Amino acid sequence: MTQSLFPLSNVQIELLKIFSTDLSEKDLVELKSLLAKFYAEKSIELANQVWDEKGLTDADMDKWLNELS
């Protein structure tokens, strides 16, 4: 057996175990949506944490948005 240059993560291994059978196209789309929502929520939580730690305000965001245009 050869070793991969990119070993599987613990999440990948668990997903392979759980989904060792084929999903219907509908279920696959639903799973992808669920995973996208999970990672989106995690990203928002992290962004909110950074926002709070830095003491940023809506005025800061407005300033940044106006600088880009």
N, C-alpha and C. Protein backbone atom coordinates (compact mmCIF):
# COMPACT_ATOMS: atom_id res chain seq x y z
N MET A 1 0.84 -1.17 0.00
CA MET A 1 0.00 0.00 0.00
C MET A 1 0.89 1.24 0.00
N THR A 2 0.59 2.21 -0.85
CA THR A 2 1.37 3.44 -0.90
C THR A 2 0.71 4.49 -0.04
N GLN A 3 1.53 5.37 0.51
CA GLN A 3 1.00 6.44 1.34
C GLN A 3 0.72 7.66 0.48
N SER A 4 -0.36 8.32 0.80
CA SER A 4 -0.77 9.51 0.07
C SER A 4 0.07 10.71 0.53
N LEU A 5 0.34 11.61 -0.40
CA LEU A 5 1.03 12.84 -0.04
C LEU A 5 0.09 13.77 0.73
N PHE A 6 -1.21 13.54 0.59
CA PHE A 6 -2.22 14.34 1.26
C PHE A 6 -3.10 13.41 2.10
N PRO A 7 -2.69 13.12 3.32
CA PRO A 7 -3.47 12.19 4.15
C PRO A 7 -4.85 12.77 4.44
N LEU A 8 -5.80 11.87 4.65
CA LEU A 8 -7.17 12.29 4.92
C LEU A 8 -7.26 12.88 6.32
N SER A 9 -8.12 13.88 6.45
CA SER A 9 -8.35 14.47 7.76
C SER A 9 -9.32 13.57 8.54
N ASN A 10 -9.45 13.84 9.83
CA ASN A 10 -10.38 13.05 10.63
C ASN A 10 -11.82 13.21 10.14
N VAL A 11 -12.17 14.37 9.64
CA VAL A 11 -13.52 14.59 9.10
C VAL A 11 -13.72 13.76 7.84
N GLN A 12 -12.74 13.75 6.96
CA GLN A 12 -12.86 12.98 5.73
C GLN A 12 -13.01 11.49 6.03
N ILE A 13 -12.26 10.99 6.98
CA ILE A 13 -12.34 9.57 7.34
C ILE A 13 -13.73 9.24 7.88
N GLU A 14 -14.25 10.09 8.77
CA GLU A 14 -15.58 9.85 9.33
C GLU A 14 -16.66 9.92 8.27
N LEU A 15 -16.56 10.88 7.36
CA LEU A 15 -17.55 10.98 6.29
C LEU A 15 -17.50 9.76 5.37
N LEU A 16 -16.31 9.26 5.10
CA LEU A 16 -16.20 8.05 4.28
C LEU A 16 -16.87 6.86 4.96
N LYS A 17 -16.69 6.77 6.27
CA LYS A 17 -17.33 5.68 7.01
C LYS A 17 -18.85 5.81 6.98
N ILE A 18 -19.34 7.02 7.23
CA ILE A 18 -20.78 7.25 7.29
C ILE A 18 -21.45 7.04 5.93
N PHE A 19 -20.80 7.52 4.89
CA PHE A 19 -21.41 7.50 3.56
C PHE A 19 -20.75 6.48 2.65
N SER A 20 -20.65 5.27 3.13
CA SER A 20 -20.03 4.22 2.33
C SER A 20 -20.96 3.71 1.24
N THR A 21 -22.19 4.17 1.25
CA THR A 21 -23.14 3.82 0.19
C THR A 21 -23.49 5.07 -0.59
N ASP A 22 -24.00 4.89 -1.79
CA ASP A 22 -24.37 6.03 -2.63
C ASP A 22 -25.60 6.73 -2.07
N LEU A 23 -25.59 8.06 -2.18
CA LEU A 23 -26.76 8.86 -1.83
C LEU A 23 -27.52 9.20 -3.10
N SER A 24 -28.80 9.43 -2.95
CA SER A 24 -29.56 9.91 -4.10
C SER A 24 -29.08 11.32 -4.43
N GLU A 25 -29.33 11.78 -5.61
CA GLU A 25 -28.91 13.12 -6.01
C GLU A 25 -29.55 14.16 -5.10
N LYS A 26 -30.80 13.95 -4.74
CA LYS A 26 -31.51 14.87 -3.85
C LYS A 26 -30.83 14.92 -2.48
N ASP A 27 -30.50 13.77 -1.92
CA ASP A 27 -29.83 13.73 -0.62
C ASP A 27 -28.43 14.34 -0.69
N LEU A 28 -27.74 14.13 -1.79
CA LEU A 28 -26.41 14.70 -1.95
C LEU A 28 -26.47 16.22 -1.98
N VAL A 29 -27.45 16.77 -2.69
CA VAL A 29 -27.63 18.22 -2.73
C VAL A 29 -27.96 18.75 -1.34
N GLU A 30 -28.81 18.02 -0.63
CA GLU A 30 -29.18 18.43 0.73
C GLU A 30 -27.96 18.41 1.66
N LEU A 31 -27.14 17.38 1.55
CA LEU A 31 -25.94 17.27 2.37
C LEU A 31 -24.96 18.41 2.07
N LYS A 32 -24.77 18.71 0.79
CA LYS A 32 -23.88 19.80 0.42
C LYS A 32 -24.38 21.12 0.99
N SER A 33 -25.68 21.33 0.94
CA SER A 33 -26.27 22.54 1.48
C SER A 33 -26.07 22.62 3.00
N LEU A 34 -26.26 21.51 3.66
CA LEU A 34 -26.07 21.44 5.11
C LEU A 34 -24.62 21.77 5.49
N LEU A 35 -23.67 21.20 4.76
CA LEU A 35 -22.26 21.46 5.04
C LEU A 35 -21.89 22.92 4.74
N ALA A 36 -22.44 23.46 3.66
CA ALA A 36 -22.18 24.87 3.33
C ALA A 36 -22.72 25.78 4.43
N LYS A 37 -23.92 25.48 4.92
CA LYS A 37 -24.52 26.27 5.99
C LYS A 37 -23.67 26.17 7.26
N PHE A 38 -23.20 24.97 7.59
CA PHE A 38 -22.36 24.76 8.76
C PHE A 38 -21.12 25.65 8.70
N TYR A 39 -20.41 25.61 7.57
CA TYR A 39 -19.18 26.39 7.44
C TYR A 39 -19.46 27.88 7.35
N ALA A 40 -20.58 28.27 6.77
CA ALA A 40 -20.94 29.69 6.73
C ALA A 40 -21.19 30.21 8.14
N GLU A 41 -21.92 29.43 8.94
CA GLU A 41 -22.19 29.85 10.31
C GLU A 41 -20.90 29.94 11.13
N LYS A 42 -19.99 28.99 10.94
CA LYS A 42 -18.71 29.04 11.64
C LYS A 42 -17.92 30.29 11.24
N SER A 43 -17.94 30.62 9.96
CA SER A 43 -17.22 31.81 9.47
C SER A 43 -17.81 33.08 10.06
N ILE A 44 -19.13 33.15 10.12
CA ILE A 44 -19.80 34.32 10.69
C ILE A 44 -19.46 34.45 12.17
N GLU A 45 -19.47 33.34 12.89
CA GLU A 45 -19.11 33.37 14.32
C GLU A 45 -17.69 33.91 14.51
N LEU A 46 -16.76 33.44 13.71
CA LEU A 46 -15.38 33.90 13.82
C LEU A 46 -15.25 35.38 13.45
N ALA A 47 -15.93 35.78 12.40
CA ALA A 47 -15.89 37.20 12.00
C ALA A 47 -16.48 38.08 13.10
N ASN A 48 -17.57 37.65 13.70
CA ASN A 48 -18.17 38.41 14.80
C ASN A 48 -17.23 38.50 15.99
N GLN A 49 -16.53 37.42 16.27
CA GLN A 49 -15.56 37.41 17.38
C GLN A 49 -14.45 38.43 17.12
N VAL A 50 -13.90 38.41 15.93
CA VAL A 50 -12.83 39.36 15.57
C VAL A 50 -13.37 40.79 15.64
N TRP A 51 -14.58 40.98 15.11
CA TRP A 51 -15.23 42.30 15.11
C TRP A 51 -15.31 42.83 16.54
N ASP A 52 -15.78 41.97 17.47
CA ASP A 52 -15.93 42.38 18.87
C ASP A 52 -14.58 42.63 19.53
N GLU A 53 -13.60 41.76 19.27
CA GLU A 53 -12.28 41.91 19.88
C GLU A 53 -11.62 43.22 19.46
N LYS A 54 -11.84 43.62 18.22
CA LYS A 54 -11.23 44.85 17.71
C LYS A 54 -12.08 46.08 18.00
N GLY A 55 -13.28 45.87 18.56
CA GLY A 55 -14.16 47.00 18.89
C GLY A 55 -14.64 47.76 17.67
N LEU A 56 -14.85 47.04 16.58
CA LEU A 56 -15.30 47.69 15.34
C LEU A 56 -16.77 48.07 15.43
N THR A 57 -17.14 49.07 14.62
CA THR A 57 -18.52 49.57 14.63
C THR A 57 -19.08 49.57 13.22
N ASP A 58 -20.38 49.85 13.13
CA ASP A 58 -21.01 49.99 11.82
C ASP A 58 -20.38 51.15 11.04
N ALA A 59 -19.96 52.19 11.76
CA ALA A 59 -19.31 53.33 11.10
C ALA A 59 -18.00 52.89 10.43
N ASP A 60 -17.27 51.97 11.08
CA ASP A 60 -16.04 51.44 10.47
C ASP A 60 -16.35 50.73 9.17
N MET A 61 -17.40 49.93 9.17
CA MET A 61 -17.78 49.20 7.95
C MET A 61 -18.20 50.17 6.85
N ASP A 62 -18.98 51.17 7.20
CA ASP A 62 -19.39 52.17 6.21
C ASP A 62 -18.18 52.87 5.61
N LYS A 63 -17.20 53.19 6.44
CA LYS A 63 -15.99 53.85 5.96
C LYS A 63 -15.26 52.95 4.96
N TRP A 64 -15.12 51.66 5.32
CA TRP A 64 -14.44 50.72 4.41
C TRP A 64 -15.18 50.58 3.10
N LEU A 65 -16.49 50.50 3.18
CA LEU A 65 -17.28 50.34 1.96
C LEU A 65 -17.14 51.56 1.04
N ASN A 66 -17.07 52.73 1.63
CA ASN A 66 -16.93 53.96 0.83
C ASN A 66 -15.53 54.10 0.27
N GLU A 67 -14.53 53.54 0.94
CA GLU A 67 -13.15 53.59 0.43
C GLU A 67 -13.00 52.74 -0.82
N LEU A 68 -13.78 51.68 -0.94
CA LEU A 68 -13.64 50.75 -2.06
C LEU A 68 -14.31 51.27 -3.33
N SER A 69 -15.20 52.22 -3.21
CA SER A 69 -15.93 52.68 -4.40
C SER A 69 -15.30 53.90 -5.03
